[in-house]
Amino acid sequence: MLNIEIPTMLFQLGAFIVLMLLVSKFALRPILNTMKQRQDHIESQIKAAEQNRLDAEKLIEEQKEALKQARQEAKEIIERAKAQKEREAEEIIRKAQERAERMIQEATTEIQREKEKALASLRDEVGALSVQLASKMLEKELDQKGQAQLVNRYLEQVGRLQ
């Protein structure tokens, strides 16, 4: 049957324990230390990766905020440019209207001057024509009066002769 010898078994048990102690001291502890170091390294890498992810998210948020501010500034610049354009357009229109009004005023003044000049010239011509007409009419009247006087004198002379 089974032959179990106690001393051999104790020797094997002792050898096994010594082997386990040696393996534990020279192989298992360095392996466990290496595994612990590896685990610590991996955990630090995970923490670093998590921190990097958080930093990246923070940077993304900062970039989004910067982009939002840049868009807002661009919008404000565009609005200011539009307002400036409208002010300049209104100023150009106002200046054009003032110039047009000034030109109309100058034209009206020039027309008035020319009208007065034409009226003065017309008055002079009418005066000259009136004088000429009056002279001609007086000449005619004088001629008629003169004729009447001549006729009267002649009749008087004829009447004396008779």
N, C-alpha and C. Protein backbone atom coordinates (compact mmCIF):
# COMPACT_ATOMS: atom_id res chain seq x y z
N MET A 1 0.81 -1.14 0.00
CA MET A 1 0.00 0.00 0.00
C MET A 1 0.87 1.22 0.00
N LEU A 2 0.48 2.09 0.67
CA LEU A 2 1.25 3.32 0.65
C LEU A 2 2.29 3.24 1.73
N ASN A 3 3.42 3.41 1.28
CA ASN A 3 4.51 3.45 2.24
C ASN A 3 4.88 4.90 2.44
N ILE A 4 4.60 5.35 3.52
CA ILE A 4 4.95 6.73 3.81
C ILE A 4 5.95 6.68 4.93
N GLU A 5 7.04 7.23 4.63
CA GLU A 5 8.04 7.28 5.65
C GLU A 5 8.04 8.69 6.19
N ILE A 6 7.96 8.72 7.45
CA ILE A 6 7.85 10.00 8.14
C ILE A 6 9.15 10.78 7.99
N PRO A 7 10.32 10.21 8.21
CA PRO A 7 11.51 11.04 8.10
C PRO A 7 11.67 11.60 6.69
N THR A 8 11.36 10.86 5.69
CA THR A 8 11.48 11.35 4.32
C THR A 8 10.47 12.47 4.11
N MET A 9 9.36 12.24 4.64
CA MET A 9 8.31 13.25 4.48
C MET A 9 8.71 14.54 5.20
N LEU A 10 9.27 14.40 6.38
CA LEU A 10 9.69 15.58 7.12
C LEU A 10 10.84 16.27 6.37
N PHE A 11 11.74 15.44 5.81
CA PHE A 11 12.83 16.02 5.06
C PHE A 11 12.29 16.78 3.84
N GLN A 12 11.38 16.19 3.14
CA GLN A 12 10.79 16.83 1.96
C GLN A 12 10.04 18.09 2.38
N LEU A 13 9.36 18.02 3.52
CA LEU A 13 8.62 19.18 4.00
C LEU A 13 9.62 20.28 4.36
N GLY A 14 10.69 19.93 5.03
CA GLY A 14 11.72 20.90 5.38
C GLY A 14 12.35 21.50 4.14
N ALA A 15 12.65 20.63 3.15
CA ALA A 15 13.25 21.11 1.91
C ALA A 15 12.27 22.05 1.18
N PHE A 16 11.04 21.68 1.22
CA PHE A 16 10.02 22.53 0.57
C PHE A 16 9.95 23.88 1.26
N ILE A 17 9.97 23.90 2.60
CA ILE A 17 9.88 25.17 3.34
C ILE A 17 11.12 26.01 3.05
N VAL A 18 12.31 25.35 3.07
CA VAL A 18 13.54 26.09 2.77
C VAL A 18 13.47 26.63 1.34
N LEU A 19 13.02 25.82 0.43
CA LEU A 19 12.88 26.27 -0.96
C LEU A 19 11.92 27.44 -1.05
N MET A 20 10.83 27.37 -0.32
CA MET A 20 9.85 28.45 -0.35
C MET A 20 10.44 29.72 0.26
N LEU A 21 11.22 29.54 1.34
CA LEU A 21 11.85 30.71 1.94
C LEU A 21 12.86 31.33 0.97
N LEU A 22 13.64 30.50 0.30
CA LEU A 22 14.62 31.00 -0.66
C LEU A 22 13.92 31.68 -1.85
N VAL A 23 12.91 31.03 -2.35
CA VAL A 23 12.16 31.61 -3.48
C VAL A 23 11.53 32.91 -3.03
N SER A 24 10.99 32.90 -1.81
CA SER A 24 10.35 34.10 -1.31
C SER A 24 11.37 35.22 -1.18
N LYS A 25 12.55 34.89 -0.64
CA LYS A 25 13.52 35.93 -0.41
C LYS A 25 14.17 36.40 -1.70
N PHE A 26 14.55 35.49 -2.57
CA PHE A 26 15.32 35.87 -3.75
C PHE A 26 14.49 36.04 -5.01
N ALA A 27 13.36 35.48 -5.10
CA ALA A 27 12.59 35.58 -6.34
C ALA A 27 11.27 36.30 -6.12
N LEU A 28 10.56 35.91 -5.10
CA LEU A 28 9.21 36.45 -4.93
C LEU A 28 9.25 37.91 -4.51
N ARG A 29 10.12 38.25 -3.56
CA ARG A 29 10.18 39.65 -3.12
C ARG A 29 10.62 40.57 -4.27
N PRO A 30 11.68 40.24 -5.00
CA PRO A 30 12.03 41.13 -6.12
C PRO A 30 10.91 41.20 -7.16
N ILE A 31 10.26 40.08 -7.40
CA ILE A 31 9.14 40.09 -8.37
C ILE A 31 8.02 40.97 -7.83
N LEU A 32 7.71 40.78 -6.53
CA LEU A 32 6.64 41.60 -5.94
C LEU A 32 7.05 43.08 -5.91
N ASN A 33 8.33 43.33 -5.58
CA ASN A 33 8.81 44.72 -5.60
C ASN A 33 8.72 45.30 -7.01
N THR A 34 9.14 44.53 -8.00
CA THR A 34 9.06 44.98 -9.39
C THR A 34 7.61 45.21 -9.78
N MET A 35 6.74 44.29 -9.38
CA MET A 35 5.32 44.45 -9.70
C MET A 35 4.75 45.68 -8.98
N LYS A 36 5.18 45.91 -7.73
CA LYS A 36 4.72 47.08 -6.99
C LYS A 36 5.21 48.35 -7.66
N GLN A 37 6.49 48.34 -8.08
CA GLN A 37 7.02 49.50 -8.78
C GLN A 37 6.27 49.73 -10.10
N ARG A 38 6.02 48.64 -10.79
CA ARG A 38 5.28 48.74 -12.05
C ARG A 38 3.88 49.27 -11.80
N GLN A 39 3.23 48.76 -10.75
CA GLN A 39 1.89 49.23 -10.40
C GLN A 39 1.93 50.71 -10.04
N ASP A 40 2.93 51.12 -9.23
CA ASP A 40 3.06 52.53 -8.87
C ASP A 40 3.30 53.39 -10.11
N HIS A 41 4.17 52.88 -10.99
CA HIS A 41 4.45 53.60 -12.23
C HIS A 41 3.19 53.75 -13.08
N ILE A 42 2.45 52.67 -13.22
CA ILE A 42 1.20 52.70 -14.01
C ILE A 42 0.21 53.66 -13.38
N GLU A 43 0.10 53.61 -12.04
CA GLU A 43 -0.82 54.52 -11.36
C GLU A 43 -0.40 55.97 -11.56
N SER A 44 0.92 56.22 -11.49
CA SER A 44 1.39 57.60 -11.71
C SER A 44 1.14 58.02 -13.16
N GLN A 45 1.30 57.08 -14.09
CA GLN A 45 1.01 57.37 -15.50
C GLN A 45 -0.48 57.66 -15.68
N ILE A 46 -1.32 56.89 -15.01
CA ILE A 46 -2.77 57.11 -15.09
C ILE A 46 -3.11 58.48 -14.51
N LYS A 47 -2.50 58.80 -13.34
CA LYS A 47 -2.75 60.11 -12.74
C LYS A 47 -2.26 61.23 -13.65
N ALA A 48 -1.08 61.03 -14.25
CA ALA A 48 -0.54 62.04 -15.17
C ALA A 48 -1.44 62.18 -16.39
N ALA A 49 -1.92 61.04 -16.90
CA ALA A 49 -2.83 61.08 -18.06
C ALA A 49 -4.12 61.79 -17.69
N GLU A 50 -4.64 61.50 -16.50
CA GLU A 50 -5.86 62.16 -16.04
C GLU A 50 -5.63 63.66 -15.88
N GLN A 51 -4.47 64.02 -15.31
CA GLN A 51 -4.14 65.44 -15.15
C GLN A 51 -3.98 66.09 -16.52
N ASN A 52 -3.34 65.39 -17.45
CA ASN A 52 -3.20 65.91 -18.81
C ASN A 52 -4.56 66.09 -19.47
N ARG A 53 -5.45 65.11 -19.24
CA ARG A 53 -6.80 65.22 -19.80
C ARG A 53 -7.51 66.44 -19.21
N LEU A 54 -7.39 66.62 -17.88
CA LEU A 54 -8.02 67.78 -17.24
C LEU A 54 -7.41 69.08 -17.76
N ASP A 55 -6.08 69.09 -17.90
CA ASP A 55 -5.42 70.27 -18.45
C ASP A 55 -5.88 70.54 -19.88
N ALA A 56 -6.01 69.47 -20.66
CA ALA A 56 -6.47 69.62 -22.05
C ALA A 56 -7.89 70.15 -22.08
N GLU A 57 -8.76 69.62 -21.21
CA GLU A 57 -10.13 70.11 -21.16
C GLU A 57 -10.17 71.58 -20.75
N LYS A 58 -9.31 71.92 -19.76
CA LYS A 58 -9.24 73.32 -19.32
C LYS A 58 -8.76 74.20 -20.47
N LEU A 59 -7.73 73.72 -21.18
CA LEU A 59 -7.21 74.47 -22.32
C LEU A 59 -8.26 74.61 -23.41
N ILE A 60 -9.02 73.53 -23.64
CA ILE A 60 -10.09 73.59 -24.64
C ILE A 60 -11.12 74.62 -24.22
N GLU A 61 -11.49 74.63 -22.94
CA GLU A 61 -12.46 75.61 -22.45
C GLU A 61 -11.91 77.03 -22.60
N GLU A 62 -10.61 77.19 -22.27
CA GLU A 62 -10.00 78.51 -22.43
C GLU A 62 -10.00 78.93 -23.89
N GLN A 63 -9.70 77.98 -24.78
CA GLN A 63 -9.70 78.28 -26.21
C GLN A 63 -11.10 78.62 -26.69
N LYS A 64 -12.10 77.87 -26.18
CA LYS A 64 -13.48 78.18 -26.55
C LYS A 64 -13.86 79.58 -26.08
N GLU A 65 -13.45 79.92 -24.85
CA GLU A 65 -13.75 81.25 -24.31
C GLU A 65 -13.02 82.32 -25.12
N ALA A 66 -11.76 82.05 -25.46
CA ALA A 66 -10.99 83.00 -26.28
C ALA A 66 -11.64 83.17 -27.65
N LEU A 67 -12.09 82.06 -28.23
CA LEU A 67 -12.77 82.12 -29.53
C LEU A 67 -14.08 82.90 -29.41
N LYS A 68 -14.80 82.65 -28.32
CA LYS A 68 -16.07 83.37 -28.09
C LYS A 68 -15.80 84.87 -27.97
N GLN A 69 -14.75 85.22 -27.20
CA GLN A 69 -14.40 86.63 -27.05
C GLN A 69 -13.96 87.23 -28.38
N ALA A 70 -13.19 86.47 -29.15
CA ALA A 70 -12.73 86.95 -30.46
C ALA A 70 -13.93 87.18 -31.38
N ARG A 71 -14.88 86.27 -31.35
CA ARG A 71 -16.08 86.44 -32.17
C ARG A 71 -16.87 87.67 -31.71
N GLN A 72 -16.98 87.84 -30.38
CA GLN A 72 -17.68 89.00 -29.85
C GLN A 72 -16.98 90.29 -30.27
N GLU A 73 -15.65 90.29 -30.15
CA GLU A 73 -14.89 91.47 -30.56
C GLU A 73 -15.06 91.72 -32.06
N ALA A 74 -15.03 90.66 -32.85
CA ALA A 74 -15.22 90.81 -34.29
C ALA A 74 -16.61 91.37 -34.58
N LYS A 75 -17.60 90.87 -33.86
CA LYS A 75 -18.97 91.36 -34.04
C LYS A 75 -19.05 92.84 -33.68
N GLU A 76 -18.41 93.22 -32.56
CA GLU A 76 -18.41 94.62 -32.15
C GLU A 76 -17.68 95.48 -33.17
N ILE A 77 -16.56 94.97 -33.69
CA ILE A 77 -15.82 95.72 -34.71
C ILE A 77 -16.68 95.91 -35.95
N ILE A 78 -17.37 94.87 -36.35
CA ILE A 78 -18.25 94.96 -37.52
C ILE A 78 -19.37 95.95 -37.26
N GLU A 79 -19.96 95.90 -36.06
CA GLU A 79 -21.03 96.83 -35.73
C GLU A 79 -20.51 98.27 -35.71
N ARG A 80 -19.31 98.46 -35.14
CA ARG A 80 -18.73 99.81 -35.13
C ARG A 80 -18.45 100.27 -36.56
N ALA A 81 -17.96 99.35 -37.38
CA ALA A 81 -17.67 99.71 -38.78
C ALA A 81 -18.96 100.08 -39.51
N LYS A 82 -20.03 99.31 -39.25
CA LYS A 82 -21.32 99.63 -39.88
C LYS A 82 -21.81 101.00 -39.41
N ALA A 83 -21.71 101.24 -38.10
CA ALA A 83 -22.14 102.53 -37.57
C ALA A 83 -21.30 103.66 -38.16
N GLN A 84 -19.99 103.43 -38.27
CA GLN A 84 -19.11 104.43 -38.86
C GLN A 84 -19.48 104.66 -40.32
N LYS A 85 -19.76 103.57 -41.01
CA LYS A 85 -20.15 103.67 -42.43
C LYS A 85 -21.43 104.48 -42.55
N GLU A 86 -22.40 104.20 -41.67
CA GLU A 86 -23.67 104.93 -41.71
C GLU A 86 -23.44 106.41 -41.39
N ARG A 87 -22.59 106.68 -40.38
CA ARG A 87 -22.31 108.09 -40.05
C ARG A 87 -21.64 108.79 -41.23
N GLU A 88 -20.69 108.09 -41.85
CA GLU A 88 -20.01 108.69 -43.00
C GLU A 88 -20.97 108.90 -44.16
N ALA A 89 -21.85 107.92 -44.38
CA ALA A 89 -22.84 108.06 -45.45
C ALA A 89 -23.76 109.24 -45.16
N GLU A 90 -24.21 109.35 -43.90
CA GLU A 90 -25.07 110.47 -43.53
C GLU A 90 -24.32 111.79 -43.70
N GLU A 91 -23.05 111.79 -43.34
CA GLU A 91 -22.23 113.01 -43.48
C GLU A 91 -22.08 113.37 -44.95
N ILE A 92 -21.84 112.37 -45.78
CA ILE A 92 -21.71 112.62 -47.22
C ILE A 92 -23.02 113.15 -47.78
N ILE A 93 -24.13 112.54 -47.36
CA ILE A 93 -25.45 112.99 -47.82
C ILE A 93 -25.70 114.41 -47.34
N ARG A 94 -25.38 114.68 -46.06
CA ARG A 94 -25.60 116.02 -45.52
C ARG A 94 -24.76 117.04 -46.29
N LYS A 95 -23.49 116.71 -46.54
CA LYS A 95 -22.63 117.64 -47.29
C LYS A 95 -23.15 117.83 -48.71
N ALA A 96 -23.62 116.74 -49.32
CA ALA A 96 -24.16 116.85 -50.67
C ALA A 96 -25.41 117.72 -50.68
N GLN A 97 -26.27 117.54 -49.65
CA GLN A 97 -27.47 118.37 -49.57
C GLN A 97 -27.10 119.83 -49.35
N GLU A 98 -26.13 120.07 -48.45
CA GLU A 98 -25.68 121.44 -48.22
C GLU A 98 -25.11 122.04 -49.51
N ARG A 99 -24.32 121.25 -50.22
CA ARG A 99 -23.74 121.74 -51.47
C ARG A 99 -24.83 122.02 -52.49
N ALA A 100 -25.80 121.10 -52.56
CA ALA A 100 -26.91 121.30 -53.50
C ALA A 100 -27.69 122.56 -53.12
N GLU A 101 -27.96 122.71 -51.81
CA GLU A 101 -28.68 123.91 -51.37
C GLU A 101 -27.87 125.17 -51.67
N ARG A 102 -26.56 125.09 -51.44
CA ARG A 102 -25.69 126.24 -51.71
C ARG A 102 -25.69 126.54 -53.21
N MET A 103 -25.64 125.47 -54.03
CA MET A 103 -25.65 125.67 -55.48
C MET A 103 -26.99 126.26 -55.92
N ILE A 104 -28.08 125.76 -55.30
CA ILE A 104 -29.41 126.30 -55.63
C ILE A 104 -29.48 127.76 -55.22
N GLN A 105 -28.97 128.07 -54.02
CA GLN A 105 -28.97 129.45 -53.53
C GLN A 105 -28.14 130.33 -54.46
N GLU A 106 -26.95 129.83 -54.84
CA GLU A 106 -26.11 130.61 -55.74
C GLU A 106 -26.79 130.79 -57.09
N ALA A 107 -27.42 129.72 -57.58
CA ALA A 107 -28.13 129.81 -58.86
C ALA A 107 -29.30 130.78 -58.74
N THR A 108 -30.03 130.71 -57.61
CA THR A 108 -31.15 131.63 -57.40
C THR A 108 -30.65 133.07 -57.34
N THR A 109 -29.54 133.27 -56.63
CA THR A 109 -28.96 134.61 -56.54
C THR A 109 -28.51 135.08 -57.92
N GLU A 110 -27.86 134.19 -58.66
CA GLU A 110 -27.40 134.53 -60.01
C GLU A 110 -28.60 134.84 -60.92
N ILE A 111 -29.64 134.03 -60.79
CA ILE A 111 -30.85 134.28 -61.59
C ILE A 111 -31.45 135.63 -61.21
N GLN A 112 -31.50 135.92 -59.91
CA GLN A 112 -32.06 137.20 -59.45
C GLN A 112 -31.22 138.35 -59.99
N ARG A 113 -29.88 138.20 -59.93
CA ARG A 113 -29.00 139.24 -60.46
C ARG A 113 -29.23 139.44 -61.96
N GLU A 114 -29.28 138.31 -62.66
CA GLU A 114 -29.51 138.40 -64.11
C GLU A 114 -30.88 138.99 -64.41
N LYS A 115 -31.86 138.63 -63.58
CA LYS A 115 -33.22 139.17 -63.76
C LYS A 115 -33.20 140.68 -63.55
N GLU A 116 -32.54 141.10 -62.44
CA GLU A 116 -32.45 142.54 -62.17
C GLU A 116 -31.67 143.25 -63.27
N LYS A 117 -30.61 142.59 -63.73
CA LYS A 117 -29.82 143.16 -64.82
C LYS A 117 -30.67 143.29 -66.08
N ALA A 118 -31.42 142.21 -66.37
CA ALA A 118 -32.28 142.22 -67.56
C ALA A 118 -33.37 143.28 -67.41
N LEU A 119 -33.95 143.38 -66.18
CA LEU A 119 -34.98 144.40 -65.95
C LEU A 119 -34.40 145.80 -66.10
N ALA A 120 -33.19 146.00 -65.57
CA ALA A 120 -32.55 147.32 -65.71
C ALA A 120 -32.30 147.61 -67.17
N SER A 121 -31.79 146.61 -67.88
CA SER A 121 -31.54 146.78 -69.31
C SER A 121 -32.85 147.04 -70.04
N LEU A 122 -33.88 146.28 -69.63
CA LEU A 122 -35.19 146.46 -70.25
C LEU A 122 -35.74 147.85 -69.95
N ARG A 123 -35.55 148.31 -68.70
CA ARG A 123 -36.00 149.66 -68.34
C ARG A 123 -35.28 150.69 -69.20
N ASP A 124 -33.96 150.49 -69.33
CA ASP A 124 -33.20 151.44 -70.15
C ASP A 124 -33.71 151.43 -71.59
N GLU A 125 -33.92 150.22 -72.11
CA GLU A 125 -34.43 150.12 -73.48
C GLU A 125 -35.83 150.71 -73.59
N VAL A 126 -36.68 150.36 -72.57
CA VAL A 126 -38.05 150.91 -72.60
C VAL A 126 -37.99 152.43 -72.48
N GLY A 127 -37.08 152.91 -71.60
CA GLY A 127 -36.92 154.36 -71.47
C GLY A 127 -36.48 154.98 -72.78
N ALA A 128 -35.47 154.36 -73.41
CA ALA A 128 -34.98 154.88 -74.68
C ALA A 128 -36.07 154.81 -75.74
N LEU A 129 -36.77 153.68 -75.77
CA LEU A 129 -37.86 153.54 -76.74
C LEU A 129 -38.97 154.54 -76.44
N SER A 130 -39.24 154.71 -75.13
CA SER A 130 -40.29 155.68 -74.75
C SER A 130 -39.89 157.08 -75.20
N VAL A 131 -38.62 157.41 -74.98
CA VAL A 131 -38.14 158.73 -75.41
C VAL A 131 -38.25 158.84 -76.91
N GLN A 132 -37.82 157.80 -77.62
CA GLN A 132 -37.91 157.83 -79.08
C GLN A 132 -39.36 157.93 -79.52
N LEU A 133 -40.20 157.14 -78.84
CA LEU A 133 -41.62 157.16 -79.19
C LEU A 133 -42.21 158.53 -78.88
N ALA A 134 -41.86 159.06 -77.71
CA ALA A 134 -42.37 160.38 -77.35
C ALA A 134 -41.86 161.43 -78.33
N SER A 135 -40.58 161.30 -78.72
CA SER A 135 -40.05 162.27 -79.68
C SER A 135 -40.80 162.18 -80.99
N LYS A 136 -41.02 160.94 -81.41
CA LYS A 136 -41.71 160.78 -82.68
C LYS A 136 -43.14 161.31 -82.56
N MET A 137 -43.75 161.00 -81.40
CA MET A 137 -45.13 161.49 -81.22
C MET A 137 -45.13 163.01 -81.13
N LEU A 138 -44.15 163.59 -80.45
CA LEU A 138 -44.08 165.04 -80.37
C LEU A 138 -43.81 165.64 -81.74
N GLU A 139 -42.96 164.96 -82.47
CA GLU A 139 -42.70 165.45 -83.81
C GLU A 139 -43.98 165.45 -84.61
N LYS A 140 -44.73 164.34 -84.46
CA LYS A 140 -45.98 164.26 -85.19
C LYS A 140 -46.92 165.35 -84.68
N GLU A 141 -46.98 165.49 -83.34
CA GLU A 141 -47.87 166.51 -82.78
C GLU A 141 -47.40 167.90 -83.19
N LEU A 142 -46.11 168.07 -83.12
CA LEU A 142 -45.60 169.36 -83.55
C LEU A 142 -45.90 169.58 -85.02
N ASP A 143 -45.76 168.53 -85.72
CA ASP A 143 -46.07 168.66 -87.14
C ASP A 143 -47.54 169.00 -87.32
N GLN A 144 -48.37 168.30 -86.56
CA GLN A 144 -49.81 168.58 -86.67
C GLN A 144 -50.11 169.96 -86.11
N LYS A 145 -49.51 170.28 -84.95
CA LYS A 145 -49.71 171.62 -84.39
C LYS A 145 -49.12 172.66 -85.33
N GLY A 146 -47.92 172.28 -85.76
CA GLY A 146 -47.29 173.22 -86.69
C GLY A 146 -48.15 173.42 -87.93
N GLN A 147 -48.72 172.33 -88.39
CA GLN A 147 -49.59 172.44 -89.55
C GLN A 147 -50.83 173.26 -89.20
N ALA A 148 -51.35 172.96 -88.00
CA ALA A 148 -52.54 173.72 -87.58
C ALA A 148 -52.18 175.19 -87.44
N GLN A 149 -51.02 175.48 -86.86
CA GLN A 149 -50.61 176.87 -86.74
C GLN A 149 -50.38 177.48 -88.12
N LEU A 150 -49.73 176.64 -88.94
CA LEU A 150 -49.51 177.14 -90.29
C LEU A 150 -50.84 177.42 -91.00
N VAL A 151 -51.75 176.46 -90.75
CA VAL A 151 -53.07 176.64 -91.37
C VAL A 151 -53.73 177.88 -90.77
N ASN A 152 -53.65 178.04 -89.46
CA ASN A 152 -54.26 179.20 -88.80
C ASN A 152 -53.59 180.49 -89.28
N ARG A 153 -52.30 180.53 -89.32
CA ARG A 153 -51.60 181.72 -89.79
C ARG A 153 -51.99 182.03 -91.23
N TYR A 154 -52.00 180.92 -91.96
CA TYR A 154 -52.35 181.12 -93.36
C TYR A 154 -53.77 181.68 -93.48
N LEU A 155 -54.68 181.11 -92.66
CA LEU A 155 -56.06 181.60 -92.70
C LEU A 155 -56.13 183.05 -92.21
N GLU A 156 -55.34 183.37 -91.21
CA GLU A 156 -55.32 184.75 -90.72
C GLU A 156 -54.80 185.68 -91.82
N GLN A 157 -53.75 185.19 -92.42
CA GLN A 157 -53.20 186.03 -93.48
C GLN A 157 -54.20 186.14 -94.63
N VAL A 158 -54.84 185.03 -94.91
CA VAL A 158 -55.84 185.05 -95.98
C VAL A 158 -57.00 185.95 -95.54
N GLY A 159 -57.36 185.87 -94.26
CA GLY A 159 -58.47 186.68 -93.77
C GLY A 159 -58.08 188.13 -93.78
N ARG A 160 -56.93 188.58 -93.59
CA ARG A 160 -56.50 189.96 -93.63
C ARG A 160 -56.50 190.45 -95.06
N LEU A 161 -56.15 189.50 -95.87
CA LEU A 161 -56.12 189.91 -97.27
C LEU A 161 -57.54 190.11 -97.77
N GLN A 162 -58.41 189.56 -97.30
CA GLN A 162 -59.77 189.70 -97.79
C GLN A 162 -60.36 190.86 -97.17
